[in-house]
Amino acid sequence: MRNRSLLAMPVVLCVTSLLPPSCLGQSQDTAGASSGQSTAPSSPGSGQTLPRFGLAVGVSTLGAGIQAATAVTQHSNVRVGFNYFKYSASFDKDGVAYNGTLKLQSAELLYDQYIGGGFHVSPGVVLYDGNQGTATASVPGGQSFTLGGVTYYSDSANPVSGTGTIAAKKAAPEILMGFGNLLPRSSRHFTANFEFGAIFQGSPNAKLNLNGGTCDTPGKSCQSISSNPTIQGNIQSEQTKINNALKVFKYYPVVRLSLGYKF
């Protein structure tokens, strides 16, 4: 019997070495380790989705406008906007009757960088600046008018008429700052935004053009404006005076209030 037991021991040891660890009580430890890895919590806030789209309407020194925005990062947006306004009026100045129209029409592209809270700085560009003033001028025949400090009479046979335009560069850089976010990083949907700044458009340019004939006295010593160097000089003098007055608009001021909705 003792010899048989000694012979059986190597067989038992050999079989034991071939058994899987689970048979030796190791399955629970392995499963526990595997379970511990699979249930590790994800980092809070990972994969947070940025707002996709917002729309706003407002009023500003550029006219009535509409804007759309999308988020770029947690602290920045990109906006595109369109503005429009038109106003017409008639008036008399120095004996000349004017019919004028002011038209504000522009398109903007802005990058909103949020510094803290709702305060943002927004560099951008006016992609299209169609802001301009146009006017027609007329002086009935026989009526006096003043040009460059000199009094003339409109020729009854060829009354004075003309045009005038004021316009700026078609594209210009822009910088704004203000408060409000069209795409709040919260559950809010309705938003309000106030901002101010300037467009670096350069000085607007005025152009004047007069046609017809003028007389020194009613019906006498009349000649065409195009062939009168004195009148042409006076027109240039008046045009220069207007351009000097327009230099204050080298930096066009922008003040805007808008209301928006985040979709």
C-alpha atoms as a PDB file:
ATOM      1  CA  MET A   1       0.000   0.000   0.000  1.00  0.00           C
ATOM      2  CA  ARG A   2       2.783   2.367   0.905  1.00  0.00           C
ATOM      3  CA  ASN A   3       4.428   1.789  -2.475  1.00  0.00           C
ATOM      4  CA  ARG A   4       1.127   2.452  -4.298  1.00  0.00           C
ATOM      5  CA  SER A   5       0.667   5.769  -2.439  1.00  0.00           C
ATOM      6  CA  LEU A   6       4.158   6.862  -3.370  1.00  0.00           C
ATOM      7  CA  LEU A   7       3.474   6.027  -7.009  1.00  0.00           C
ATOM      8  CA  ALA A   8       0.145   7.979  -6.992  1.00  0.00           C
ATOM      9  CA  MET A   9       1.636  11.210  -5.679  1.00  0.00           C
ATOM     10  CA  PRO A  10       3.493  12.149  -8.934  1.00  0.00           C
ATOM     11  CA  VAL A  11       0.288  11.488 -10.918  1.00  0.00           C
ATOM     12  CA  VAL A  12      -1.745  13.795  -8.660  1.00  0.00           C
ATOM     13  CA  LEU A  13       0.891  16.514  -8.864  1.00  0.00           C
ATOM     14  CA  CYS A  14       0.995  16.207 -12.645  1.00  0.00           C
ATOM     15  CA  VAL A  15      -2.790  16.435 -13.020  1.00  0.00           C
ATOM     16  CA  THR A  16      -2.899  19.375 -10.628  1.00  0.00           C
ATOM     17  CA  SER A  17      -0.362  21.292 -12.702  1.00  0.00           C
ATOM     18  CA  LEU A  18      -2.583  20.894 -15.794  1.00  0.00           C
ATOM     19  CA  LEU A  19      -5.738  22.281 -14.160  1.00  0.00           C
ATOM     20  CA  PRO A  20      -6.760  25.950 -15.025  1.00  0.00           C
ATOM     21  CA  PRO A  21      -6.284  28.577 -12.311  1.00  0.00           C
ATOM     22  CA  SER A  22     -10.043  28.845 -11.849  1.00  0.00           C
ATOM     23  CA  CYS A  23     -10.017  25.408 -10.341  1.00  0.00           C
ATOM     24  CA  LEU A  24      -7.614  26.641  -7.678  1.00  0.00           C
ATOM     25  CA  GLY A  25      -9.810  29.581  -6.499  1.00  0.00           C
ATOM     26  CA  GLN A  26      -8.168  32.302  -8.652  1.00  0.00           C
ATOM     27  CA  SER A  27     -11.225  33.122 -10.817  1.00  0.00           C
ATOM     28  CA  GLN A  28     -12.711  35.549  -8.335  1.00  0.00           C
ATOM     29  CA  ASP A  29      -9.504  37.599  -8.107  1.00  0.00           C
ATOM     30  CA  THR A  30      -9.126  37.715 -11.891  1.00  0.00           C
ATOM     31  CA  ALA A  31     -12.793  38.591 -12.410  1.00  0.00           C
ATOM     32  CA  GLY A  32     -12.548  41.225  -9.701  1.00  0.00           C
ATOM     33  CA  ALA A  33      -9.556  42.851 -11.382  1.00  0.00           C
ATOM     34  CA  SER A  34     -11.298  42.719 -14.768  1.00  0.00           C
ATOM     35  CA  SER A  35     -14.480  44.180 -13.278  1.00  0.00           C
ATOM     36  CA  GLY A  36     -12.504  46.956 -11.624  1.00  0.00           C
ATOM     37  CA  GLN A  37     -11.113  48.039 -15.005  1.00  0.00           C
ATOM     38  CA  SER A  38     -14.447  47.982 -16.819  1.00  0.00           C
ATOM     39  CA  THR A  39     -16.301  50.083 -14.247  1.00  0.00           C
ATOM     40  CA  ALA A  40     -13.733  52.926 -14.007  1.00  0.00           C
ATOM     41  CA  PRO A  41     -15.731  56.250 -14.136  1.00  0.00           C
ATOM     42  CA  SER A  42     -15.252  58.506 -17.170  1.00  0.00           C
ATOM     43  CA  SER A  43     -13.799  61.972 -16.604  1.00  0.00           C
ATOM     44  CA  PRO A  44     -16.530  64.513 -15.888  1.00  0.00           C
ATOM     45  CA  GLY A  45     -17.387  66.905 -18.729  1.00  0.00           C
ATOM     46  CA  SER A  46     -15.611  64.836 -21.400  1.00  0.00           C
ATOM     47  CA  GLY A  47     -17.204  65.019 -24.864  1.00  0.00           C
ATOM     48  CA  GLN A  48     -19.252  68.164 -24.099  1.00  0.00           C
ATOM     49  CA  THR A  49     -21.087  69.333 -27.219  1.00  0.00           C
ATOM     50  CA  LEU A  50     -20.701  72.939 -28.398  1.00  0.00           C
ATOM     51  CA  PRO A  51     -23.756  74.972 -29.475  1.00  0.00           C
ATOM     52  CA  ARG A  52     -24.244  74.654 -33.200  1.00  0.00           C
ATOM     53  CA  PHE A  53     -26.352  77.612 -34.308  1.00  0.00           C
ATOM     54  CA  GLY A  54     -27.847  80.879 -33.096  1.00  0.00           C
ATOM     55  CA  LEU A  55     -29.793  83.660 -34.802  1.00  0.00           C
ATOM     56  CA  ALA A  56     -30.256  87.307 -33.756  1.00  0.00           C
ATOM     57  CA  VAL A  57     -31.935  90.491 -34.974  1.00  0.00           C
ATOM     58  CA  GLY A  58     -30.984  93.993 -33.908  1.00  0.00           C
ATOM     59  CA  VAL A  59     -30.550  97.675 -34.644  1.00  0.00           C
ATOM     60  CA  SER A  60     -27.303  99.588 -34.929  1.00  0.00           C
ATOM     61  CA  THR A  61     -25.612 102.547 -36.544  1.00  0.00           C
ATOM     62  CA  LEU A  62     -25.304 100.262 -39.587  1.00  0.00           C
ATOM     63  CA  GLY A  63     -29.086  99.849 -39.819  1.00  0.00           C
ATOM     64  CA  ALA A  64     -31.432  96.996 -39.032  1.00  0.00           C
ATOM     65  CA  GLY A  65     -29.558  93.698 -39.022  1.00  0.00           C
ATOM     66  CA  ILE A  66     -29.677  89.937 -38.781  1.00  0.00           C
ATOM     67  CA  GLN A  67     -26.819  87.753 -37.502  1.00  0.00           C
ATOM     68  CA  ALA A  68     -26.032  84.039 -37.381  1.00  0.00           C
ATOM     69  CA  ALA A  69     -23.356  82.380 -35.233  1.00  0.00           C
ATOM     70  CA  THR A  70     -21.740  79.047 -34.542  1.00  0.00           C
ATOM     71  CA  ALA A  71     -19.377  78.019 -31.746  1.00  0.00           C
ATOM     72  CA  VAL A  72     -15.686  77.399 -32.431  1.00  0.00           C
ATOM     73  CA  THR A  73     -14.375  76.618 -28.940  1.00  0.00           C
ATOM     74  CA  GLN A  74     -15.750  76.814 -25.395  1.00  0.00           C
ATOM     75  CA  HIS A  75     -14.834  80.518 -25.357  1.00  0.00           C
ATOM     76  CA  SER A  76     -15.261  81.692 -28.950  1.00  0.00           C
ATOM     77  CA  ASN A  77     -17.842  82.013 -31.722  1.00  0.00           C
ATOM     78  CA  VAL A  78     -17.886  83.038 -35.373  1.00  0.00           C
ATOM     79  CA  ARG A  79     -20.623  85.424 -36.518  1.00  0.00           C
ATOM     80  CA  VAL A  80     -21.825  86.640 -39.892  1.00  0.00           C
ATOM     81  CA  GLY A  81     -24.222  89.571 -40.210  1.00  0.00           C
ATOM     82  CA  PHE A  82     -26.132  91.653 -42.747  1.00  0.00           C
ATOM     83  CA  ASN A  83     -27.372  95.242 -42.215  1.00  0.00           C
ATOM     84  CA  TYR A  84     -29.717  97.495 -44.173  1.00  0.00           C
ATOM     85  CA  PHE A  85     -31.292 100.939 -43.875  1.00  0.00           C
ATOM     86  CA  LYS A  86     -32.611 103.472 -46.376  1.00  0.00           C
ATOM     87  CA  TYR A  87     -33.843 107.042 -45.939  1.00  0.00           C
ATOM     88  CA  SER A  88     -34.745 109.720 -48.488  1.00  0.00           C
ATOM     89  CA  ALA A  89     -35.336 113.452 -48.015  1.00  0.00           C
ATOM     90  CA  SER A  90     -35.528 116.700 -49.947  1.00  0.00           C
ATOM     91  CA  PHE A  91     -33.953 119.984 -48.880  1.00  0.00           C
ATOM     92  CA  ASP A  92     -32.711 123.330 -50.193  1.00  0.00           C
ATOM     93  CA  LYS A  93     -29.271 124.800 -49.616  1.00  0.00           C
ATOM     94  CA  ASP A  94     -27.818 127.999 -51.081  1.00  0.00           C
ATOM     95  CA  GLY A  95     -30.638 128.149 -53.637  1.00  0.00           C
ATOM     96  CA  VAL A  96     -30.102 124.577 -54.870  1.00  0.00           C
ATOM     97  CA  ALA A  97     -32.870 121.982 -54.462  1.00  0.00           C
ATOM     98  CA  TYR A  98     -31.546 118.569 -53.429  1.00  0.00           C
ATOM     99  CA  ASN A  99     -33.243 115.175 -53.399  1.00  0.00           C
ATOM    100  CA  GLY A 100     -31.033 112.903 -51.336  1.00  0.00           C
ATOM    101  CA  THR A 101     -30.990 109.236 -50.336  1.00  0.00           C
ATOM    102  CA  LEU A 102     -28.944 107.642 -47.575  1.00  0.00           C
ATOM    103  CA  LYS A 103     -28.506 103.884 -47.977  1.00  0.00           C
ATOM    104  CA  LEU A 104     -26.712 101.699 -45.434  1.00  0.00           C
ATOM    105  CA  GLN A 105     -25.977  98.202 -46.669  1.00  0.00           C
ATOM    106  CA  SER A 106     -23.186  95.970 -45.349  1.00  0.00           C
ATOM    107  CA  ALA A 107     -22.053  92.417 -44.588  1.00  0.00           C
ATOM    108  CA  GLU A 108     -19.791  91.526 -41.633  1.00  0.00           C
ATOM    109  CA  LEU A 109     -17.699  88.569 -40.460  1.00  0.00           C
ATOM    110  CA  LEU A 110     -16.706  88.596 -36.758  1.00  0.00           C
ATOM    111  CA  TYR A 111     -14.746  86.358 -34.390  1.00  0.00           C
ATOM    112  CA  ASP A 112     -16.040  86.619 -30.799  1.00  0.00           C
ATOM    113  CA  GLN A 113     -13.439  85.870 -28.131  1.00  0.00           C
ATOM    114  CA  TYR A 114     -14.927  85.761 -24.625  1.00  0.00           C
ATOM    115  CA  ILE A 115     -12.586  87.130 -21.968  1.00  0.00           C
ATOM    116  CA  GLY A 116     -14.743  86.608 -18.889  1.00  0.00           C
ATOM    117  CA  GLY A 117     -18.434  86.014 -18.399  1.00  0.00           C
ATOM    118  CA  GLY A 118     -20.310  87.587 -21.295  1.00  0.00           C
ATOM    119  CA  PHE A 119     -17.635  90.195 -22.109  1.00  0.00           C
ATOM    120  CA  HIS A 120     -16.172  89.689 -25.565  1.00  0.00           C
ATOM    121  CA  VAL A 121     -13.718  91.269 -27.976  1.00  0.00           C
ATOM    122  CA  SER A 122     -14.643  90.776 -31.634  1.00  0.00           C
ATOM    123  CA  PRO A 123     -12.166  91.510 -34.425  1.00  0.00           C
ATOM    124  CA  GLY A 124     -13.568  91.151 -37.903  1.00  0.00           C
ATOM    125  CA  VAL A 125     -13.993  92.546 -41.367  1.00  0.00           C
ATOM    126  CA  VAL A 126     -16.733  94.317 -43.289  1.00  0.00           C
ATOM    127  CA  LEU A 127     -16.830  92.099 -46.358  1.00  0.00           C
ATOM    128  CA  TYR A 128     -19.078  94.503 -48.264  1.00  0.00           C
ATOM    129  CA  ASP A 129     -19.581  98.176 -47.446  1.00  0.00           C
ATOM    130  CA  GLY A 130     -22.382  99.578 -49.573  1.00  0.00           C
ATOM    131  CA  ASN A 131     -22.997 102.581 -47.314  1.00  0.00           C
ATOM    132  CA  GLN A 132     -23.464 105.641 -49.466  1.00  0.00           C
ATOM    133  CA  GLY A 133     -25.320 108.876 -49.953  1.00  0.00           C
ATOM    134  CA  THR A 134     -26.623 110.031 -53.332  1.00  0.00           C
ATOM    135  CA  ALA A 135     -28.374 113.221 -54.363  1.00  0.00           C
ATOM    136  CA  THR A 136     -29.685 115.039 -57.399  1.00  0.00           C
ATOM    137  CA  ALA A 137     -29.508 118.827 -57.600  1.00  0.00           C
ATOM    138  CA  SER A 138     -31.509 121.310 -59.607  1.00  0.00           C
ATOM    139  CA  VAL A 139     -31.969 125.080 -59.899  1.00  0.00           C
ATOM    140  CA  PRO A 140     -35.005 126.391 -61.829  1.00  0.00           C
ATOM    141  CA  GLY A 141     -34.181 128.709 -64.743  1.00  0.00           C
ATOM    142  CA  GLY A 142     -33.755 132.364 -63.718  1.00  0.00           C
ATOM    143  CA  GLN A 143     -33.269 131.539 -59.993  1.00  0.00           C
ATOM    144  CA  SER A 144     -30.116 132.538 -58.156  1.00  0.00           C
ATOM    145  CA  PHE A 145     -27.878 130.135 -56.245  1.00  0.00           C
ATOM    146  CA  THR A 146     -24.529 130.323 -54.479  1.00  0.00           C
ATOM    147  CA  LEU A 147     -21.539 128.176 -55.290  1.00  0.00           C
ATOM    148  CA  GLY A 148     -18.164 128.662 -53.608  1.00  0.00           C
ATOM    149  CA  GLY A 149     -19.299 131.975 -52.174  1.00  0.00           C
ATOM    150  CA  VAL A 150     -20.205 133.324 -55.635  1.00  0.00           C
ATOM    151  CA  THR A 151     -23.811 134.038 -56.724  1.00  0.00           C
ATOM    152  CA  TYR A 152     -24.986 132.807 -60.138  1.00  0.00           C
ATOM    153  CA  TYR A 153     -28.288 132.605 -61.997  1.00  0.00           C
ATOM    154  CA  SER A 154     -29.539 129.433 -63.606  1.00  0.00           C
ATOM    155  CA  ASP A 155     -29.887 129.749 -67.378  1.00  0.00           C
ATOM    156  CA  SER A 156     -33.562 129.632 -68.345  1.00  0.00           C
ATOM    157  CA  ALA A 157     -32.679 127.949 -71.638  1.00  0.00           C
ATOM    158  CA  ASN A 158     -30.373 125.398 -69.979  1.00  0.00           C
ATOM    159  CA  PRO A 159     -31.219 125.118 -66.242  1.00  0.00           C
ATOM    160  CA  VAL A 160     -28.603 123.910 -63.786  1.00  0.00           C
ATOM    161  CA  SER A 161     -28.793 120.268 -62.693  1.00  0.00           C
ATOM    162  CA  GLY A 162     -26.341 117.847 -61.180  1.00  0.00           C
ATOM    163  CA  THR A 163     -25.547 114.821 -59.060  1.00  0.00           C
ATOM    164  CA  GLY A 164     -23.568 114.092 -55.921  1.00  0.00           C
ATOM    165  CA  THR A 165     -22.336 110.911 -54.270  1.00  0.00           C
ATOM    166  CA  ILE A 166     -20.618 110.037 -51.000  1.00  0.00           C
ATOM    167  CA  ALA A 167     -19.127 106.563 -50.557  1.00  0.00           C
ATOM    168  CA  ALA A 168     -16.380 104.724 -48.649  1.00  0.00           C
ATOM    169  CA  LYS A 169     -14.151 101.728 -49.390  1.00  0.00           C
ATOM    170  CA  LYS A 170     -16.006  98.511 -50.195  1.00  0.00           C
ATOM    171  CA  ALA A 171     -14.189  96.455 -47.535  1.00  0.00           C
ATOM    172  CA  ALA A 172     -12.602  97.409 -44.219  1.00  0.00           C
ATOM    173  CA  PRO A 173     -11.373  95.922 -40.904  1.00  0.00           C
ATOM    174  CA  GLU A 174     -13.591  96.196 -37.818  1.00  0.00           C
ATOM    175  CA  ILE A 175     -13.193  95.801 -34.060  1.00  0.00           C
ATOM    176  CA  LEU A 176     -16.047  95.503 -31.539  1.00  0.00           C
ATOM    177  CA  MET A 177     -16.398  94.759 -27.838  1.00  0.00           C
ATOM    178  CA  GLY A 178     -19.399  94.287 -25.624  1.00  0.00           C
ATOM    179  CA  PHE A 179     -21.513  92.054 -23.430  1.00  0.00           C
ATOM    180  CA  GLY A 180     -23.689  89.069 -24.293  1.00  0.00           C
ATOM    181  CA  ASN A 181     -23.359  85.722 -26.035  1.00  0.00           C
ATOM    182  CA  LEU A 182     -25.546  84.574 -28.905  1.00  0.00           C
ATOM    183  CA  LEU A 183     -24.584  80.981 -28.010  1.00  0.00           C
ATOM    184  CA  PRO A 184     -24.599  80.690 -24.194  1.00  0.00           C
ATOM    185  CA  ARG A 185     -22.855  77.582 -22.821  1.00  0.00           C
ATOM    186  CA  SER A 186     -25.902  76.723 -20.726  1.00  0.00           C
ATOM    187  CA  SER A 187     -29.507  75.660 -21.162  1.00  0.00           C
ATOM    188  CA  ARG A 188     -30.597  79.243 -21.955  1.00  0.00           C
ATOM    189  CA  HIS A 189     -31.988  79.891 -25.418  1.00  0.00           C
ATOM    190  CA  PHE A 190     -32.951  83.588 -25.473  1.00  0.00           C
ATOM    191  CA  THR A 191     -30.047  86.051 -25.444  1.00  0.00           C
ATOM    192  CA  ALA A 192     -29.311  89.795 -25.526  1.00  0.00           C
ATOM    193  CA  ASN A 193     -26.145  91.433 -26.797  1.00  0.00           C
ATOM    194  CA  PHE A 194     -24.822  95.000 -26.590  1.00  0.00           C
ATOM    195  CA  GLU A 195     -21.608  95.980 -28.327  1.00  0.00           C
ATOM    196  CA  PHE A 196     -19.721  98.982 -29.647  1.00  0.00           C
ATOM    197  CA  GLY A 197     -16.633  99.677 -31.717  1.00  0.00           C
ATOM    198  CA  ALA A 198     -15.524 101.053 -35.070  1.00  0.00           C
ATOM    199  CA  ILE A 199     -14.996 100.255 -38.743  1.00  0.00           C
ATOM    200  CA  PHE A 200     -11.661 101.473 -40.122  1.00  0.00           C
ATOM    201  CA  GLN A 201     -13.082 102.505 -43.482  1.00  0.00           C
ATOM    202  CA  GLY A 202     -10.944 105.547 -44.214  1.00  0.00           C
ATOM    203  CA  SER A 203     -12.382 108.937 -45.123  1.00  0.00           C
ATOM    204  CA  PRO A 204     -15.457 108.766 -47.374  1.00  0.00           C
ATOM    205  CA  ASN A 205     -15.133 110.395 -50.766  1.00  0.00           C
ATOM    206  CA  ALA A 206     -17.578 112.957 -52.164  1.00  0.00           C
ATOM    207  CA  LYS A 207     -18.010 113.662 -55.857  1.00  0.00           C
ATOM    208  CA  LEU A 208     -20.019 116.564 -57.313  1.00  0.00           C
ATOM    209  CA  ASN A 209     -21.095 117.125 -60.898  1.00  0.00           C
ATOM    210  CA  LEU A 210     -23.047 120.084 -62.321  1.00  0.00           C
ATOM    211  CA  ASN A 211     -24.465 120.544 -65.797  1.00  0.00           C
ATOM    212  CA  GLY A 212     -26.418 123.269 -67.543  1.00  0.00           C
ATOM    213  CA  GLY A 213     -25.666 126.959 -67.892  1.00  0.00           C
ATOM    214  CA  THR A 214     -25.210 129.946 -65.585  1.00  0.00           C
ATOM    215  CA  CYS A 215     -25.637 133.681 -66.073  1.00  0.00           C
ATOM    216  CA  ASP A 216     -24.039 136.654 -64.353  1.00  0.00           C
ATOM    217  CA  THR A 217     -27.449 138.354 -64.333  1.00  0.00           C
ATOM    218  CA  PRO A 218     -30.838 136.844 -65.206  1.00  0.00           C
ATOM    219  CA  GLY A 219     -30.777 135.999 -68.916  1.00  0.00           C
ATOM    220  CA  LYS A 220     -27.459 137.803 -69.654  1.00  0.00           C
ATOM    221  CA  SER A 221     -23.825 136.749 -70.005  1.00  0.00           C
ATOM    222  CA  CYS A 222     -24.791 133.063 -69.883  1.00  0.00           C
ATOM    223  CA  GLN A 223     -22.434 130.185 -70.609  1.00  0.00           C
ATOM    224  CA  SER A 224     -22.180 126.452 -70.119  1.00  0.00           C
ATOM    225  CA  ILE A 225     -20.867 125.229 -66.780  1.00  0.00           C
ATOM    226  CA  SER A 226     -18.563 122.736 -68.522  1.00  0.00           C
ATOM    227  CA  SER A 227     -16.751 125.560 -70.351  1.00  0.00           C
ATOM    228  CA  ASN A 228     -16.561 127.966 -67.401  1.00  0.00           C
ATOM    229  CA  PRO A 229     -13.264 127.437 -65.532  1.00  0.00           C
ATOM    230  CA  THR A 230     -14.376 129.686 -62.672  1.00  0.00           C
ATOM    231  CA  ILE A 231     -17.456 127.567 -61.970  1.00  0.00           C
ATOM    232  CA  GLN A 232     -15.434 124.360 -62.335  1.00  0.00           C
ATOM    233  CA  GLY A 233     -13.027 125.720 -59.736  1.00  0.00           C
ATOM    234  CA  ASN A 234     -15.922 126.554 -57.427  1.00  0.00           C
ATOM    235  CA  ILE A 235     -17.294 123.015 -57.812  1.00  0.00           C
ATOM    236  CA  GLN A 236     -13.907 121.589 -56.839  1.00  0.00           C
ATOM    237  CA  SER A 237     -13.752 123.965 -53.878  1.00  0.00           C
ATOM    238  CA  GLU A 238     -17.180 122.811 -52.666  1.00  0.00           C
ATOM    239  CA  GLN A 239     -16.209 119.174 -53.148  1.00  0.00           C
ATOM    240  CA  THR A 240     -13.031 119.682 -51.109  1.00  0.00           C
ATOM    241  CA  LYS A 241     -15.034 121.351 -48.338  1.00  0.00           C
ATOM    242  CA  ILE A 242     -17.385 118.350 -48.130  1.00  0.00           C
ATOM    243  CA  ASN A 243     -14.508 115.863 -48.116  1.00  0.00           C
ATOM    244  CA  ASN A 244     -12.817 117.730 -45.276  1.00  0.00           C
ATOM    245  CA  ALA A 245     -16.041 117.578 -43.276  1.00  0.00           C
ATOM    246  CA  LEU A 246     -16.292 113.825 -43.918  1.00  0.00           C
ATOM    247  CA  LYS A 247     -12.872 113.068 -42.392  1.00  0.00           C
ATOM    248  CA  VAL A 248     -14.568 112.630 -39.016  1.00  0.00           C
ATOM    249  CA  PHE A 249     -16.057 109.376 -40.417  1.00  0.00           C
ATOM    250  CA  LYS A 250     -12.624 107.850 -41.076  1.00  0.00           C
ATOM    251  CA  TYR A 251     -13.494 105.545 -38.173  1.00  0.00           C
ATOM    252  CA  TYR A 252     -17.167 104.758 -38.582  1.00  0.00           C
ATOM    253  CA  PRO A 253     -18.756 104.241 -35.134  1.00  0.00           C
ATOM    254  CA  VAL A 254     -20.737 101.062 -34.491  1.00  0.00           C
ATOM    255  CA  VAL A 255     -23.216 100.729 -31.617  1.00  0.00           C
ATOM    256  CA  ARG A 256     -25.535  97.705 -31.672  1.00  0.00           C
ATOM    257  CA  LEU A 257     -28.259  96.129 -29.552  1.00  0.00           C
ATOM    258  CA  SER A 258     -29.559  92.709 -30.575  1.00  0.00           C
ATOM    259  CA  LEU A 259     -31.806  89.904 -29.328  1.00  0.00           C
ATOM    260  CA  GLY A 260     -31.165  86.310 -30.259  1.00  0.00           C
ATOM    261  CA  TYR A 261     -32.160  82.665 -29.916  1.00  0.00           C
ATOM    262  CA  LYS A 262     -29.907  79.610 -29.607  1.00  0.00           C
ATOM    263  CA  PHE A 263     -31.245  76.557 -31.448  1.00  0.00           C
END
